[in-house]
mmCIF file of all heavy atoms, coordinates in Angstrom:
data_MODEL
# 
_entry.id   MODEL 
# 
loop_
_atom_site.group_PDB 
_atom_site.id 
_atom_site.type_symbol 
_atom_site.label_atom_id 
_atom_site.label_alt_id 
_atom_site.label_comp_id 
_atom_site.label_asym_id 
_atom_site.label_entity_id 
_atom_site.label_seq_id 
_atom_site.pdbx_PDB_ins_code 
_atom_site.Cartn_x 
_atom_site.Cartn_y 
_atom_site.Cartn_z 
_atom_site.occupancy 
_atom_site.B_iso_or_equiv 
_atom_site.pdbx_formal_charge 
_atom_site.auth_seq_id 
_atom_site.auth_comp_id 
_atom_site.auth_asym_id 
_atom_site.auth_atom_id 
_atom_site.pdbx_PDB_model_num 
ATOM 1   N N   . ILE A 1 1  ? -80.794 110.731 -128.263 1.00 0.00 ? 1  ILE A N   1 
ATOM 2   C CA  . ILE A 1 1  ? -80.867 111.661 -129.411 1.00 0.00 ? 1  ILE A CA  1 
ATOM 3   C C   . ILE A 1 1  ? -80.617 113.082 -128.889 1.00 0.00 ? 1  ILE A C   1 
ATOM 4   O O   . ILE A 1 1  ? -79.872 113.862 -129.553 1.00 0.00 ? 1  ILE A O   1 
ATOM 5   C CB  . ILE A 1 1  ? -82.254 111.565 -130.084 1.00 0.00 ? 1  ILE A CB  1 
ATOM 6   C CG1 . ILE A 1 1  ? -82.408 110.214 -130.801 1.00 0.00 ? 1  ILE A CG1 1 
ATOM 7   C CG2 . ILE A 1 1  ? -82.504 112.716 -131.046 1.00 0.00 ? 1  ILE A CG2 1 
ATOM 8   C CD1 . ILE A 1 1  ? -83.813 109.903 -131.299 1.00 0.00 ? 1  ILE A CD1 1 
ATOM 9   N N   . GLU A 1 2  ? -81.172 113.440 -127.750 1.00 0.00 ? 2  GLU A N   1 
ATOM 10  C CA  . GLU A 1 2  ? -81.014 114.795 -127.241 1.00 0.00 ? 2  GLU A CA  1 
ATOM 11  C C   . GLU A 1 2  ? -79.553 115.078 -126.906 1.00 0.00 ? 2  GLU A C   1 
ATOM 12  O O   . GLU A 1 2  ? -79.038 116.128 -127.227 1.00 0.00 ? 2  GLU A O   1 
ATOM 13  C CB  . GLU A 1 2  ? -81.850 114.960 -125.963 1.00 0.00 ? 2  GLU A CB  1 
ATOM 14  C CG  . GLU A 1 2  ? -81.796 116.354 -125.380 1.00 0.00 ? 2  GLU A CG  1 
ATOM 15  C CD  . GLU A 1 2  ? -82.508 116.484 -124.054 1.00 0.00 ? 2  GLU A CD  1 
ATOM 16  O OE1 . GLU A 1 2  ? -83.241 115.540 -123.667 1.00 0.00 ? 2  GLU A OE1 1 
ATOM 17  O OE2 . GLU A 1 2  ? -82.311 117.503 -123.381 1.00 0.00 ? 2  GLU A OE2 1 
ATOM 18  N N   . ALA A 1 3  ? -78.857 114.060 -126.351 1.00 0.00 ? 3  ALA A N   1 
ATOM 19  C CA  . ALA A 1 3  ? -77.475 114.259 -125.964 1.00 0.00 ? 3  ALA A CA  1 
ATOM 20  C C   . ALA A 1 3  ? -76.596 114.509 -127.219 1.00 0.00 ? 3  ALA A C   1 
ATOM 21  O O   . ALA A 1 3  ? -75.794 115.463 -127.237 1.00 0.00 ? 3  ALA A O   1 
ATOM 22  C CB  . ALA A 1 3  ? -76.970 113.012 -125.223 1.00 0.00 ? 3  ALA A CB  1 
ATOM 23  N N   . ILE A 1 4  ? -76.782 113.709 -128.250 1.00 0.00 ? 4  ILE A N   1 
ATOM 24  C CA  . ILE A 1 4  ? -75.922 113.868 -129.446 1.00 0.00 ? 4  ILE A CA  1 
ATOM 25  C C   . ILE A 1 4  ? -76.257 115.134 -130.187 1.00 0.00 ? 4  ILE A C   1 
ATOM 26  O O   . ILE A 1 4  ? -75.372 115.850 -130.740 1.00 0.00 ? 4  ILE A O   1 
ATOM 27  C CB  . ILE A 1 4  ? -75.957 112.615 -130.370 1.00 0.00 ? 4  ILE A CB  1 
ATOM 28  C CG1 . ILE A 1 4  ? -74.707 112.559 -131.220 1.00 0.00 ? 4  ILE A CG1 1 
ATOM 29  C CG2 . ILE A 1 4  ? -77.226 112.531 -131.162 1.00 0.00 ? 4  ILE A CG2 1 
ATOM 30  C CD1 . ILE A 1 4  ? -74.426 111.205 -131.878 1.00 0.00 ? 4  ILE A CD1 1 
ATOM 31  N N   . SER A 1 5  ? -77.549 115.502 -130.222 1.00 0.00 ? 5  SER A N   1 
ATOM 32  C CA  . SER A 1 5  ? -77.977 116.727 -130.891 1.00 0.00 ? 5  SER A CA  1 
ATOM 33  C C   . SER A 1 5  ? -77.446 117.964 -130.154 1.00 0.00 ? 5  SER A C   1 
ATOM 34  O O   . SER A 1 5  ? -77.017 118.955 -130.770 1.00 0.00 ? 5  SER A O   1 
ATOM 35  C CB  . SER A 1 5  ? -79.498 116.801 -131.008 1.00 0.00 ? 5  SER A CB  1 
ATOM 36  O OG  . SER A 1 5  ? -79.996 115.716 -131.684 1.00 0.00 ? 5  SER A OG  1 
ATOM 37  N N   . THR A 1 6  ? -77.474 117.927 -128.819 1.00 0.00 ? 6  THR A N   1 
ATOM 38  C CA  . THR A 1 6  ? -77.059 119.055 -127.996 1.00 0.00 ? 6  THR A CA  1 
ATOM 39  C C   . THR A 1 6  ? -75.546 119.326 -128.125 1.00 0.00 ? 6  THR A C   1 
ATOM 40  O O   . THR A 1 6  ? -75.125 120.441 -128.349 1.00 0.00 ? 6  THR A O   1 
ATOM 41  C CB  . THR A 1 6  ? -77.430 118.861 -126.493 1.00 0.00 ? 6  THR A CB  1 
ATOM 42  O OG1 . THR A 1 6  ? -78.832 118.550 -126.447 1.00 0.00 ? 6  THR A OG1 1 
ATOM 43  C CG2 . THR A 1 6  ? -77.147 120.076 -125.687 1.00 0.00 ? 6  THR A CG2 1 
ATOM 44  N N   . VAL A 1 7  ? -74.725 118.234 -128.000 1.00 0.00 ? 7  VAL A N   1 
ATOM 45  C CA  . VAL A 1 7  ? -73.268 118.466 -128.000 1.00 0.00 ? 7  VAL A CA  1 
ATOM 46  C C   . VAL A 1 7  ? -72.791 118.886 -129.399 1.00 0.00 ? 7  VAL A C   1 
ATOM 47  O O   . VAL A 1 7  ? -71.752 119.577 -129.507 1.00 0.00 ? 7  VAL A O   1 
ATOM 48  C CB  . VAL A 1 7  ? -72.462 117.235 -127.511 1.00 0.00 ? 7  VAL A CB  1 
ATOM 49  C CG1 . VAL A 1 7  ? -72.725 116.956 -126.082 1.00 0.00 ? 7  VAL A CG1 1 
ATOM 50  C CG2 . VAL A 1 7  ? -72.692 116.009 -128.352 1.00 0.00 ? 7  VAL A CG2 1 
ATOM 51  N N   . HIS A 1 8  ? -73.500 118.489 -130.437 1.00 0.00 ? 8  HIS A N   1 
ATOM 52  C CA  . HIS A 1 8  ? -73.109 118.941 -131.779 1.00 0.00 ? 8  HIS A CA  1 
ATOM 53  C C   . HIS A 1 8  ? -73.895 120.158 -132.274 1.00 0.00 ? 8  HIS A C   1 
ATOM 54  O O   . HIS A 1 8  ? -73.650 120.639 -133.402 1.00 0.00 ? 8  HIS A O   1 
ATOM 55  C CB  . HIS A 1 8  ? -73.250 117.792 -132.774 1.00 0.00 ? 8  HIS A CB  1 
ATOM 56  C CG  . HIS A 1 8  ? -72.162 116.762 -132.610 1.00 0.00 ? 8  HIS A CG  1 
ATOM 57  N ND1 . HIS A 1 8  ? -70.889 116.935 -133.052 1.00 0.00 ? 8  HIS A ND1 1 
ATOM 58  C CD2 . HIS A 1 8  ? -72.182 115.556 -132.002 1.00 0.00 ? 8  HIS A CD2 1 
ATOM 59  C CE1 . HIS A 1 8  ? -70.154 115.875 -132.725 1.00 0.00 ? 8  HIS A CE1 1 
ATOM 60  N NE2 . HIS A 1 8  ? -70.945 115.014 -132.096 1.00 0.00 ? 8  HIS A NE2 1 
ATOM 61  N N   . ALA A 1 9  ? -74.854 120.569 -131.469 1.00 0.00 ? 9  ALA A N   1 
ATOM 62  C CA  . ALA A 1 9  ? -75.721 121.742 -131.819 1.00 0.00 ? 9  ALA A CA  1 
ATOM 63  C C   . ALA A 1 9  ? -76.273 121.566 -133.259 1.00 0.00 ? 9  ALA A C   1 
ATOM 64  O O   . ALA A 1 9  ? -76.205 122.490 -134.064 1.00 0.00 ? 9  ALA A O   1 
ATOM 65  C CB  . ALA A 1 9  ? -74.924 123.026 -131.675 1.00 0.00 ? 9  ALA A CB  1 
ATOM 66  N N   . THR A 1 10 ? -76.763 120.401 -133.547 1.00 0.00 ? 10 THR A N   1 
ATOM 67  C CA  . THR A 1 10 ? -77.227 120.044 -134.883 1.00 0.00 ? 10 THR A CA  1 
ATOM 68  C C   . THR A 1 10 ? -78.521 119.291 -134.776 1.00 0.00 ? 10 THR A C   1 
ATOM 69  O O   . THR A 1 10 ? -78.669 118.427 -133.871 1.00 0.00 ? 10 THR A O   1 
ATOM 70  C CB  . THR A 1 10 ? -76.246 119.158 -135.617 1.00 0.00 ? 10 THR A CB  1 
ATOM 71  O OG1 . THR A 1 10 ? -74.933 119.738 -135.542 1.00 0.00 ? 10 THR A OG1 1 
ATOM 72  C CG2 . THR A 1 10 ? -76.599 119.025 -137.087 1.00 0.00 ? 10 THR A CG2 1 
ATOM 73  N N   . ASP A 1 11 ? -79.454 119.524 -135.697 1.00 0.00 ? 11 ASP A N   1 
ATOM 74  C CA  . ASP A 1 11 ? -80.644 118.677 -135.840 1.00 0.00 ? 11 ASP A CA  1 
ATOM 75  C C   . ASP A 1 11 ? -80.314 117.644 -136.864 1.00 0.00 ? 11 ASP A C   1 
ATOM 76  O O   . ASP A 1 11 ? -80.241 117.942 -138.073 1.00 0.00 ? 11 ASP A O   1 
ATOM 77  C CB  . ASP A 1 11 ? -81.882 119.461 -136.226 1.00 0.00 ? 11 ASP A CB  1 
ATOM 78  C CG  . ASP A 1 11 ? -82.365 120.387 -135.096 1.00 0.00 ? 11 ASP A CG  1 
ATOM 79  O OD1 . ASP A 1 11 ? -82.138 120.001 -133.925 1.00 0.00 ? 11 ASP A OD1 1 
ATOM 80  O OD2 . ASP A 1 11 ? -82.853 121.476 -135.388 1.00 0.00 ? 11 ASP A OD2 1 
ATOM 81  N N   . PHE A 1 12 ? -80.046 116.401 -136.473 1.00 0.00 ? 12 PHE A N   1 
ATOM 82  C CA  . PHE A 1 12 ? -79.592 115.379 -137.417 1.00 0.00 ? 12 PHE A CA  1 
ATOM 83  C C   . PHE A 1 12 ? -80.695 114.910 -138.294 1.00 0.00 ? 12 PHE A C   1 
ATOM 84  O O   . PHE A 1 12 ? -81.878 114.798 -137.883 1.00 0.00 ? 12 PHE A O   1 
ATOM 85  C CB  . PHE A 1 12 ? -79.014 114.206 -136.641 1.00 0.00 ? 12 PHE A CB  1 
ATOM 86  C CG  . PHE A 1 12 ? -77.641 114.491 -136.040 1.00 0.00 ? 12 PHE A CG  1 
ATOM 87  C CD1 . PHE A 1 12 ? -77.530 114.777 -134.694 1.00 0.00 ? 12 PHE A CD1 1 
ATOM 88  C CD2 . PHE A 1 12 ? -76.506 114.481 -136.816 1.00 0.00 ? 12 PHE A CD2 1 
ATOM 89  C CE1 . PHE A 1 12 ? -76.300 115.023 -134.124 1.00 0.00 ? 12 PHE A CE1 1 
ATOM 90  C CE2 . PHE A 1 12 ? -75.271 114.763 -136.280 1.00 0.00 ? 12 PHE A CE2 1 
ATOM 91  C CZ  . PHE A 1 12 ? -75.137 115.033 -134.931 1.00 0.00 ? 12 PHE A CZ  1 
ATOM 92  N N   . LYS A 1 13 ? -80.383 114.546 -139.522 1.00 0.00 ? 13 LYS A N   1 
ATOM 93  C CA  . LYS A 1 13 ? -81.311 113.853 -140.443 1.00 0.00 ? 13 LYS A CA  1 
ATOM 94  C C   . LYS A 1 13 ? -81.222 112.361 -140.169 1.00 0.00 ? 13 LYS A C   1 
ATOM 95  O O   . LYS A 1 13 ? -80.200 111.905 -139.655 1.00 0.00 ? 13 LYS A O   1 
ATOM 96  C CB  . LYS A 1 13 ? -80.946 114.189 -141.904 1.00 0.00 ? 13 LYS A CB  1 
ATOM 97  C CG  . LYS A 1 13 ? -81.033 115.654 -142.284 1.00 0.00 ? 13 LYS A CG  1 
ATOM 98  C CD  . LYS A 1 13 ? -80.866 115.785 -143.781 1.00 0.00 ? 13 LYS A CD  1 
ATOM 99  C CE  . LYS A 1 13 ? -80.833 117.260 -144.169 1.00 0.00 ? 13 LYS A CE  1 
ATOM 100 N NZ  . LYS A 1 13 ? -79.510 117.897 -143.978 1.00 0.00 ? 13 LYS A NZ  1 
ATOM 101 N N   . PRO A 1 14 ? -82.259 111.630 -140.570 1.00 0.00 ? 14 PRO A N   1 
ATOM 102 C CA  . PRO A 1 14 ? -82.252 110.182 -140.289 1.00 0.00 ? 14 PRO A CA  1 
ATOM 103 C C   . PRO A 1 14 ? -81.076 109.412 -140.863 1.00 0.00 ? 14 PRO A C   1 
ATOM 104 O O   . PRO A 1 14 ? -80.660 108.417 -140.267 1.00 0.00 ? 14 PRO A O   1 
ATOM 105 C CB  . PRO A 1 14 ? -83.563 109.695 -140.930 1.00 0.00 ? 14 PRO A CB  1 
ATOM 106 C CG  . PRO A 1 14 ? -84.401 110.895 -141.074 1.00 0.00 ? 14 PRO A CG  1 
ATOM 107 C CD  . PRO A 1 14 ? -83.488 112.072 -141.229 1.00 0.00 ? 14 PRO A CD  1 
ATOM 108 N N   . ASP A 1 15 ? -80.492 109.904 -141.966 1.00 0.00 ? 15 ASP A N   1 
ATOM 109 C CA  . ASP A 1 15 ? -79.362 109.165 -142.537 1.00 0.00 ? 15 ASP A CA  1 
ATOM 110 C C   . ASP A 1 15 ? -78.024 109.656 -141.980 1.00 0.00 ? 15 ASP A C   1 
ATOM 111 O O   . ASP A 1 15 ? -76.944 109.207 -142.437 1.00 0.00 ? 15 ASP A O   1 
ATOM 112 C CB  . ASP A 1 15 ? -79.371 109.230 -144.071 1.00 0.00 ? 15 ASP A CB  1 
ATOM 113 C CG  . ASP A 1 15 ? -79.327 110.696 -144.577 1.00 0.00 ? 15 ASP A CG  1 
ATOM 114 O OD1 . ASP A 1 15 ? -79.463 111.625 -143.714 1.00 0.00 ? 15 ASP A OD1 1 
ATOM 115 O OD2 . ASP A 1 15 ? -79.209 110.887 -145.775 1.00 0.00 ? 15 ASP A OD2 1 
ATOM 116 N N   . GLU A 1 16 ? -78.070 110.558 -140.983 1.00 0.00 ? 16 GLU A N   1 
ATOM 117 C CA  . GLU A 1 16 ? -76.835 111.071 -140.437 1.00 0.00 ? 16 GLU A CA  1 
ATOM 118 C C   . GLU A 1 16 ? -76.474 110.467 -139.052 1.00 0.00 ? 16 GLU A C   1 
ATOM 119 O O   . GLU A 1 16 ? -75.427 110.740 -138.478 1.00 0.00 ? 16 GLU A O   1 
ATOM 120 C CB  . GLU A 1 16 ? -76.865 112.576 -140.247 1.00 0.00 ? 16 GLU A CB  1 
ATOM 121 C CG  . GLU A 1 16 ? -76.893 113.313 -141.605 1.00 0.00 ? 16 GLU A CG  1 
ATOM 122 C CD  . GLU A 1 16 ? -77.126 114.820 -141.442 1.00 0.00 ? 16 GLU A CD  1 
ATOM 123 O OE1 . GLU A 1 16 ? -77.597 115.268 -140.379 1.00 0.00 ? 16 GLU A OE1 1 
ATOM 124 O OE2 . GLU A 1 16 ? -76.842 115.532 -142.401 1.00 0.00 ? 16 GLU A OE2 1 
ATOM 125 N N   . VAL A 1 17 ? -77.403 109.632 -138.522 1.00 0.00 ? 17 VAL A N   1 
ATOM 126 C CA  . VAL A 1 17 ? -77.128 108.955 -137.282 1.00 0.00 ? 17 VAL A CA  1 
ATOM 127 C C   . VAL A 1 17 ? -77.472 107.453 -137.417 1.00 0.00 ? 17 VAL A C   1 
ATOM 128 O O   . VAL A 1 17 ? -78.239 107.070 -138.283 1.00 0.00 ? 17 VAL A O   1 
ATOM 129 C CB  . VAL A 1 17 ? -77.900 109.505 -136.081 1.00 0.00 ? 17 VAL A CB  1 
ATOM 130 C CG1 . VAL A 1 17 ? -77.385 110.847 -135.654 1.00 0.00 ? 17 VAL A CG1 1 
ATOM 131 C CG2 . VAL A 1 17 ? -79.380 109.505 -136.327 1.00 0.00 ? 17 VAL A CG2 1 
ATOM 132 N N   . GLU A 1 18 ? -76.836 106.674 -136.544 1.00 0.00 ? 18 GLU A N   1 
ATOM 133 C CA  . GLU A 1 18 ? -77.186 105.237 -136.461 1.00 0.00 ? 18 GLU A CA  1 
ATOM 134 C C   . GLU A 1 18 ? -77.585 104.967 -135.050 1.00 0.00 ? 18 GLU A C   1 
ATOM 135 O O   . GLU A 1 18 ? -76.984 105.472 -134.070 1.00 0.00 ? 18 GLU A O   1 
ATOM 136 C CB  . GLU A 1 18 ? -75.906 104.394 -136.716 1.00 0.00 ? 18 GLU A CB  1 
ATOM 137 C CG  . GLU A 1 18 ? -75.311 104.493 -138.090 1.00 0.00 ? 18 GLU A CG  1 
ATOM 138 C CD  . GLU A 1 18 ? -74.112 103.556 -138.211 1.00 0.00 ? 18 GLU A CD  1 
ATOM 139 O OE1 . GLU A 1 18 ? -73.058 103.872 -137.685 1.00 0.00 ? 18 GLU A OE1 1 
ATOM 140 O OE2 . GLU A 1 18 ? -74.303 102.466 -138.812 1.00 0.00 ? 18 GLU A OE2 1 
ATOM 141 N N   . ILE A 1 19 ? -78.615 104.164 -134.868 1.00 0.00 ? 19 ILE A N   1 
ATOM 142 C CA  . ILE A 1 19 ? -79.086 103.799 -133.542 1.00 0.00 ? 19 ILE A CA  1 
ATOM 143 C C   . ILE A 1 19 ? -79.171 102.303 -133.416 1.00 0.00 ? 19 ILE A C   1 
ATOM 144 O O   . ILE A 1 19 ? -79.806 101.620 -134.245 1.00 0.00 ? 19 ILE A O   1 
ATOM 145 C CB  . ILE A 1 19 ? -80.506 104.450 -133.211 1.00 0.00 ? 19 ILE A CB  1 
ATOM 146 C CG1 . ILE A 1 19 ? -80.420 105.968 -133.368 1.00 0.00 ? 19 ILE A CG1 1 
ATOM 147 C CG2 . ILE A 1 19 ? -80.943 104.037 -131.833 1.00 0.00 ? 19 ILE A CG2 1 
ATOM 148 C CD1 . ILE A 1 19 ? -81.762 106.667 -133.145 1.00 0.00 ? 19 ILE A CD1 1 
ATOM 149 N N   . GLY A 1 20 ? -78.555 101.780 -132.373 1.00 0.00 ? 20 GLY A N   1 
ATOM 150 C CA  . GLY A 1 20 ? -78.660 100.338 -132.046 1.00 0.00 ? 20 GLY A CA  1 
ATOM 151 C C   . GLY A 1 20 ? -79.380 100.226 -130.756 1.00 0.00 ? 20 GLY A C   1 
ATOM 152 O O   . GLY A 1 20 ? -79.246 101.022 -129.804 1.00 0.00 ? 20 GLY A O   1 
ATOM 153 N N   . ILE A 1 21 ? -80.224 99.159  -130.658 1.00 0.00 ? 21 ILE A N   1 
ATOM 154 C CA  . ILE A 1 21 ? -81.108 99.037  -129.451 1.00 0.00 ? 21 ILE A CA  1 
ATOM 155 C C   . ILE A 1 21 ? -81.201 97.588  -129.005 1.00 0.00 ? 21 ILE A C   1 
ATOM 156 O O   . ILE A 1 21 ? -81.182 96.668  -129.831 1.00 0.00 ? 21 ILE A O   1 
ATOM 157 C CB  . ILE A 1 21 ? -82.492 99.637  -129.738 1.00 0.00 ? 21 ILE A CB  1 
ATOM 158 C CG1 . ILE A 1 21 ? -83.397 99.614  -128.496 1.00 0.00 ? 21 ILE A CG1 1 
ATOM 159 C CG2 . ILE A 1 21 ? -83.174 98.929  -130.883 1.00 0.00 ? 21 ILE A CG2 1 
ATOM 160 C CD1 . ILE A 1 21 ? -84.678 100.377 -128.622 1.00 0.00 ? 21 ILE A CD1 1 
ATOM 161 N N   . VAL A 1 22 ? -81.271 97.394  -127.674 1.00 0.00 ? 22 VAL A N   1 
ATOM 162 C CA  . VAL A 1 22 ? -81.609 96.100  -127.093 1.00 0.00 ? 22 VAL A CA  1 
ATOM 163 C C   . VAL A 1 22 ? -82.701 96.415  -126.080 1.00 0.00 ? 22 VAL A C   1 
ATOM 164 O O   . VAL A 1 22 ? -82.456 97.212  -125.166 1.00 0.00 ? 22 VAL A O   1 
ATOM 165 C CB  . VAL A 1 22 ? -80.437 95.441  -126.360 1.00 0.00 ? 22 VAL A CB  1 
ATOM 166 C CG1 . VAL A 1 22 ? -80.848 94.085  -125.841 1.00 0.00 ? 22 VAL A CG1 1 
ATOM 167 C CG2 . VAL A 1 22 ? -79.266 95.297  -127.273 1.00 0.00 ? 22 VAL A CG2 1 
ATOM 168 N N   . SER A 1 23 ? -83.895 95.854  -126.254 1.00 0.00 ? 23 SER A N   1 
ATOM 169 C CA  . SER A 1 23 ? -84.982 96.148  -125.360 1.00 0.00 ? 23 SER A CA  1 
ATOM 170 C C   . SER A 1 23 ? -85.865 94.945  -125.143 1.00 0.00 ? 23 SER A C   1 
ATOM 171 O O   . SER A 1 23 ? -86.168 94.210  -126.081 1.00 0.00 ? 23 SER A O   1 
ATOM 172 C CB  . SER A 1 23 ? -85.829 97.288  -125.955 1.00 0.00 ? 23 SER A CB  1 
ATOM 173 O OG  . SER A 1 23 ? -86.987 97.530  -125.166 1.00 0.00 ? 23 SER A OG  1 
ATOM 174 N N   . ASP A 1 24 ? -86.245 94.720  -123.885 1.00 0.00 ? 24 ASP A N   1 
ATOM 175 C CA  . ASP A 1 24 ? -87.292 93.712  -123.647 1.00 0.00 ? 24 ASP A CA  1 
ATOM 176 C C   . ASP A 1 24 ? -88.541 94.343  -123.077 1.00 0.00 ? 24 ASP A C   1 
ATOM 177 O O   . ASP A 1 24 ? -89.325 93.750  -122.335 1.00 0.00 ? 24 ASP A O   1 
ATOM 178 C CB  . ASP A 1 24 ? -86.795 92.525  -122.773 1.00 0.00 ? 24 ASP A CB  1 
ATOM 179 C CG  . ASP A 1 24 ? -86.189 92.949  -121.459 1.00 0.00 ? 24 ASP A CG  1 
ATOM 180 O OD1 . ASP A 1 24 ? -86.317 94.146  -121.140 1.00 0.00 ? 24 ASP A OD1 1 
ATOM 181 O OD2 . ASP A 1 24 ? -85.638 92.075  -120.751 1.00 0.00 ? 24 ASP A OD2 1 
ATOM 182 N N   . GLY A 1 25 ? -88.745 95.643  -123.418 1.00 0.00 ? 25 GLY A N   1 
ATOM 183 C CA  . GLY A 1 25 ? -89.919 96.372  -122.995 1.00 0.00 ? 25 GLY A CA  1 
ATOM 184 C C   . GLY A 1 25 ? -91.132 95.964  -123.836 1.00 0.00 ? 25 GLY A C   1 
ATOM 185 O O   . GLY A 1 25 ? -91.036 95.387  -124.918 1.00 0.00 ? 25 GLY A O   1 
ATOM 186 N N   . ASP A 1 26 ? -92.321 96.322  -123.327 1.00 0.00 ? 26 ASP A N   1 
ATOM 187 C CA  . ASP A 1 26 ? -93.547 95.957  -124.045 1.00 0.00 ? 26 ASP A CA  1 
ATOM 188 C C   . ASP A 1 26 ? -93.716 96.665  -125.387 1.00 0.00 ? 26 ASP A C   1 
ATOM 189 O O   . ASP A 1 26 ? -94.413 96.209  -126.270 1.00 0.00 ? 26 ASP A O   1 
ATOM 190 C CB  . ASP A 1 26 ? -94.812 96.285  -123.154 1.00 0.00 ? 26 ASP A CB  1 
ATOM 191 C CG  . ASP A 1 26 ? -94.784 95.463  -121.903 1.00 0.00 ? 26 ASP A CG  1 
ATOM 192 O OD1 . ASP A 1 26 ? -94.211 94.336  -121.940 1.00 0.00 ? 26 ASP A OD1 1 
ATOM 193 O OD2 . ASP A 1 26 ? -95.341 95.878  -120.850 1.00 0.00 ? 26 ASP A OD2 1 
ATOM 194 N N   . GLU A 1 27 ? -93.093 97.896  -125.479 1.00 0.00 ? 27 GLU A N   1 
ATOM 195 C CA  . GLU A 1 27 ? -93.192 98.645  -126.724 1.00 0.00 ? 27 GLU A CA  1 
ATOM 196 C C   . GLU A 1 27 ? -92.395 98.034  -127.861 1.00 0.00 ? 27 GLU A C   1 
ATOM 197 O O   . GLU A 1 27 ? -92.639 98.334  -129.018 1.00 0.00 ? 27 GLU A O   1 
ATOM 198 C CB  . GLU A 1 27 ? -92.749 100.109 -126.526 1.00 0.00 ? 27 GLU A CB  1 
ATOM 199 C CG  . GLU A 1 27 ? -93.551 100.834 -125.446 1.00 0.00 ? 27 GLU A CG  1 
ATOM 200 C CD  . GLU A 1 27 ? -92.606 101.486 -124.433 1.00 0.00 ? 27 GLU A CD  1 
ATOM 201 O OE1 . GLU A 1 27 ? -91.962 102.481 -124.784 1.00 0.00 ? 27 GLU A OE1 1 
ATOM 202 O OE2 . GLU A 1 27 ? -92.535 101.013 -123.318 1.00 0.00 ? 27 GLU A OE2 1 
# 
């Protein structure tokens, strides 16, 4: 999130980004 916000110098709203995840962490 920090990387995409920094390079575009924008605070994105939740409907302006998409996040895909693969995790086998406890959280």
